[in-house]
């Protein structure tokens, strides 16, 4: 006598995927979280392909963000974070990654810049787009942004170094 028991684990697998998506996504901005971009950086470095060899990590910091929260309120701060996240998402290539590191910091993994000039042009464009005003309840916020760039392999050979 043979007895077979089959259990449909589709619902369990779907729940696991949903939990992972929640854990890997920032609740406010809907961007990936720090752990995801660090994993993507390590994966790009491990591949060792030409794209990784011309990769760069850009860290974006909103200047005086605390002042926005203190003077206009946390709703204004949230609006600013969401606007910056949307702008970053819109300007990255398909093979690039963007994440919210926490607070008012974001990171981007940019792949395949053939020249330093191309990277500088990308950073300049990014700075200009991120510095555009954001409207909130009839007021305009002019975000100040600071951008830091680390290039592989010149500035580091691992995700934490970059």
Protein backbone atom coordinates (compact mmCIF):
# COMPACT_ATOMS: atom_id res chain seq x y z
CA UNK A 1 0.00 0.00 0.00
CA UNK A 2 1.32 3.41 -0.99
CA UNK A 3 0.18 6.62 0.59
CA UNK A 4 1.03 9.97 -0.95
CA UNK A 5 0.40 13.25 0.69
CA UNK A 6 0.62 16.42 -1.35
CA UNK A 7 0.57 19.81 0.21
CA UNK A 8 0.11 22.93 -1.83
CA UNK A 9 2.71 25.38 -0.54
CA UNK A 10 1.83 28.13 -3.01
CA UNK A 11 0.31 30.33 -0.30
CA UNK A 12 3.36 29.85 1.93
CA UNK A 13 5.74 30.79 -0.89
CA UNK A 14 3.63 33.84 -1.76
CA UNK A 15 3.67 34.91 1.89
CA UNK A 16 7.45 34.48 2.03
CA UNK A 17 7.85 36.67 -1.06
CA UNK A 18 5.54 39.31 0.41
CA UNK A 19 7.47 39.36 3.69
CA UNK A 20 10.77 39.65 1.84
CA UNK A 21 9.42 42.53 -0.27
CA UNK A 22 8.32 44.35 2.89
CA UNK A 23 11.69 43.77 4.57
CA UNK A 24 13.63 44.98 1.53
CA UNK A 25 11.55 48.07 0.76
CA UNK A 26 11.54 51.38 2.60
CA UNK A 27 7.97 52.01 3.73
CA UNK A 28 7.95 55.74 2.96
CA UNK A 29 9.86 56.05 -0.31
CA UNK A 30 9.23 52.55 -1.69
CA UNK A 31 12.93 52.33 -2.55
CA UNK A 32 15.13 49.41 -1.65
CA UNK A 33 16.75 49.50 1.80
CA UNK A 34 20.48 49.67 2.61
CA UNK A 35 20.94 45.89 2.77
CA UNK A 36 19.64 45.48 -0.78
CA UNK A 37 21.96 48.03 -2.38
CA UNK A 38 24.93 46.64 -0.42
CA UNK A 39 24.08 43.16 -1.73
CA UNK A 40 23.78 44.53 -5.29
CA UNK A 41 27.15 46.26 -5.00
CA UNK A 42 28.80 43.05 -3.78
CA UNK A 43 27.13 41.09 -6.59
CA UNK A 44 28.37 43.55 -9.22
CA UNK A 45 31.89 43.39 -7.81
CA UNK A 46 31.79 39.58 -7.65
CA UNK A 47 30.76 39.36 -11.32
CA UNK A 48 33.93 41.19 -12.24
CA UNK A 49 32.46 42.16 -15.59
CA UNK A 50 33.26 45.32 -17.52
CA UNK A 51 30.19 47.07 -16.15
CA UNK A 52 31.34 46.53 -12.56
CA UNK A 53 34.84 47.69 -13.43
CA UNK A 54 33.35 51.04 -14.45
CA UNK A 55 30.86 51.24 -11.62
CA UNK A 56 30.35 54.01 -9.12
CA UNK A 57 28.46 54.36 -5.88
CA UNK A 58 26.82 57.73 -5.30
CA UNK A 59 25.60 58.75 -1.86
CA UNK A 60 23.04 61.56 -1.75
CA UNK A 61 22.49 63.50 1.46
CA UNK A 62 19.81 66.14 1.90
CA UNK A 63 21.35 69.22 3.47
CA UNK A 64 19.58 70.75 6.48
CA UNK A 65 16.81 68.15 6.38
CA UNK A 66 16.25 68.49 10.13
CA UNK A 67 15.44 72.15 9.57
CA UNK A 68 12.65 71.17 7.16
CA UNK A 69 11.16 68.85 9.77
CA UNK A 70 11.57 71.43 12.55
CA UNK A 71 10.13 74.40 10.65
CA UNK A 72 7.57 72.89 8.26
CA UNK A 73 6.77 69.64 10.05
CA UNK A 74 7.33 65.95 9.43
CA UNK A 75 4.72 65.82 6.67
CA UNK A 76 6.82 68.30 4.70
CA UNK A 77 9.93 66.26 5.41
CA UNK A 78 8.19 63.11 4.21
CA UNK A 79 7.03 64.89 1.05
CA UNK A 80 10.62 65.97 0.38
CA UNK A 81 11.98 62.44 0.90
CA UNK A 82 9.34 60.97 -1.41
CA UNK A 83 10.04 63.59 -4.10
CA UNK A 84 13.79 62.92 -3.95
CA UNK A 85 13.18 59.17 -4.14
CA UNK A 86 10.94 59.59 -7.19
CA UNK A 87 13.51 61.80 -8.90
CA UNK A 88 16.31 59.32 -8.20
CA UNK A 89 14.22 56.42 -9.47
CA UNK A 90 13.40 58.32 -12.66
CA UNK A 91 17.00 59.19 -13.46
CA UNK A 92 18.74 55.84 -13.02
CA UNK A 93 19.35 53.35 -15.81
CA UNK A 94 17.65 49.98 -15.79
CA UNK A 95 20.85 48.26 -14.65
CA UNK A 96 21.43 50.74 -11.82
CA UNK A 97 20.09 50.47 -8.29
CA UNK A 98 18.81 53.10 -5.87
CA UNK A 99 18.09 52.74 -2.16
CA UNK A 100 17.28 54.78 0.89
CA UNK A 101 20.08 54.27 3.37
CA UNK A 102 18.06 55.80 6.17
CA UNK A 103 17.06 59.25 7.35
CA UNK A 104 17.91 61.70 4.59
CA UNK A 105 20.52 59.57 2.81
CA UNK A 106 20.20 57.65 -0.43
CA UNK A 107 22.62 55.52 -2.44
CA UNK A 108 22.84 54.68 -6.10
CA UNK A 109 24.87 52.02 -7.83
CA UNK A 110 25.67 53.33 -11.29
CA UNK A 111 27.07 50.88 -13.81
CA UNK A 112 29.27 51.36 -16.84
CA UNK A 113 30.57 54.90 -17.11
CA UNK A 114 33.22 54.77 -19.81
CA UNK A 115 34.97 57.97 -18.77
CA UNK A 116 35.36 60.18 -15.75
CA UNK A 117 33.77 62.95 -17.79
CA UNK A 118 30.64 60.86 -18.35
CA UNK A 119 30.39 60.19 -14.63
CA UNK A 120 30.86 63.89 -13.80
CA UNK A 121 28.15 64.79 -16.31
CA UNK A 122 25.78 62.27 -14.71
CA UNK A 123 26.51 63.63 -11.23
CA UNK A 124 26.03 67.24 -12.36
CA UNK A 125 22.69 66.36 -13.96
CA UNK A 126 21.65 64.48 -10.84
CA UNK A 127 22.54 67.45 -8.62
CA UNK A 128 20.57 69.86 -10.81
CA UNK A 129 17.47 67.65 -10.87
CA UNK A 130 17.53 66.96 -7.15
CA UNK A 131 17.92 70.66 -6.35
CA UNK A 132 14.67 71.62 -8.06
CA UNK A 133 11.94 72.87 -5.73
CA UNK A 134 9.35 70.63 -4.12
CA UNK A 135 5.88 72.05 -3.40
CA UNK A 136 4.14 71.39 -0.11
CA UNK A 137 0.91 73.06 1.01
CA UNK A 138 1.49 76.11 -1.16
CA UNK A 139 5.13 76.45 -0.12
CA UNK A 140 8.22 75.64 -2.15
CA UNK A 141 11.08 73.76 -0.57
CA UNK A 142 14.46 74.08 -2.28
CA UNK A 143 16.35 70.95 -1.31
CA UNK A 144 20.05 71.30 -0.77
CA UNK A 145 21.86 68.13 -1.73
CA UNK A 146 25.38 66.85 -1.25
CA UNK A 147 26.64 64.06 -3.47
CA UNK A 148 29.58 61.81 -2.72
CA UNK A 149 31.02 59.48 -5.35
CA UNK A 150 33.18 56.39 -4.97
CA UNK A 151 34.51 54.64 -8.07
CA UNK A 152 35.43 50.96 -8.29
CA UNK A 153 38.23 49.88 -8.01
CA UNK A 154 40.00 53.17 -7.31
CA UNK A 155 38.12 54.00 -4.10
CA UNK A 156 37.51 50.51 -2.75
CA UNK A 157 37.06 46.87 -3.66
CA UNK A 158 34.08 45.99 -1.46
CA UNK A 159 30.64 47.40 -0.77
CA UNK A 160 31.53 48.76 2.70
CA UNK A 161 34.68 50.42 1.31
CA UNK A 162 32.73 52.07 -1.46
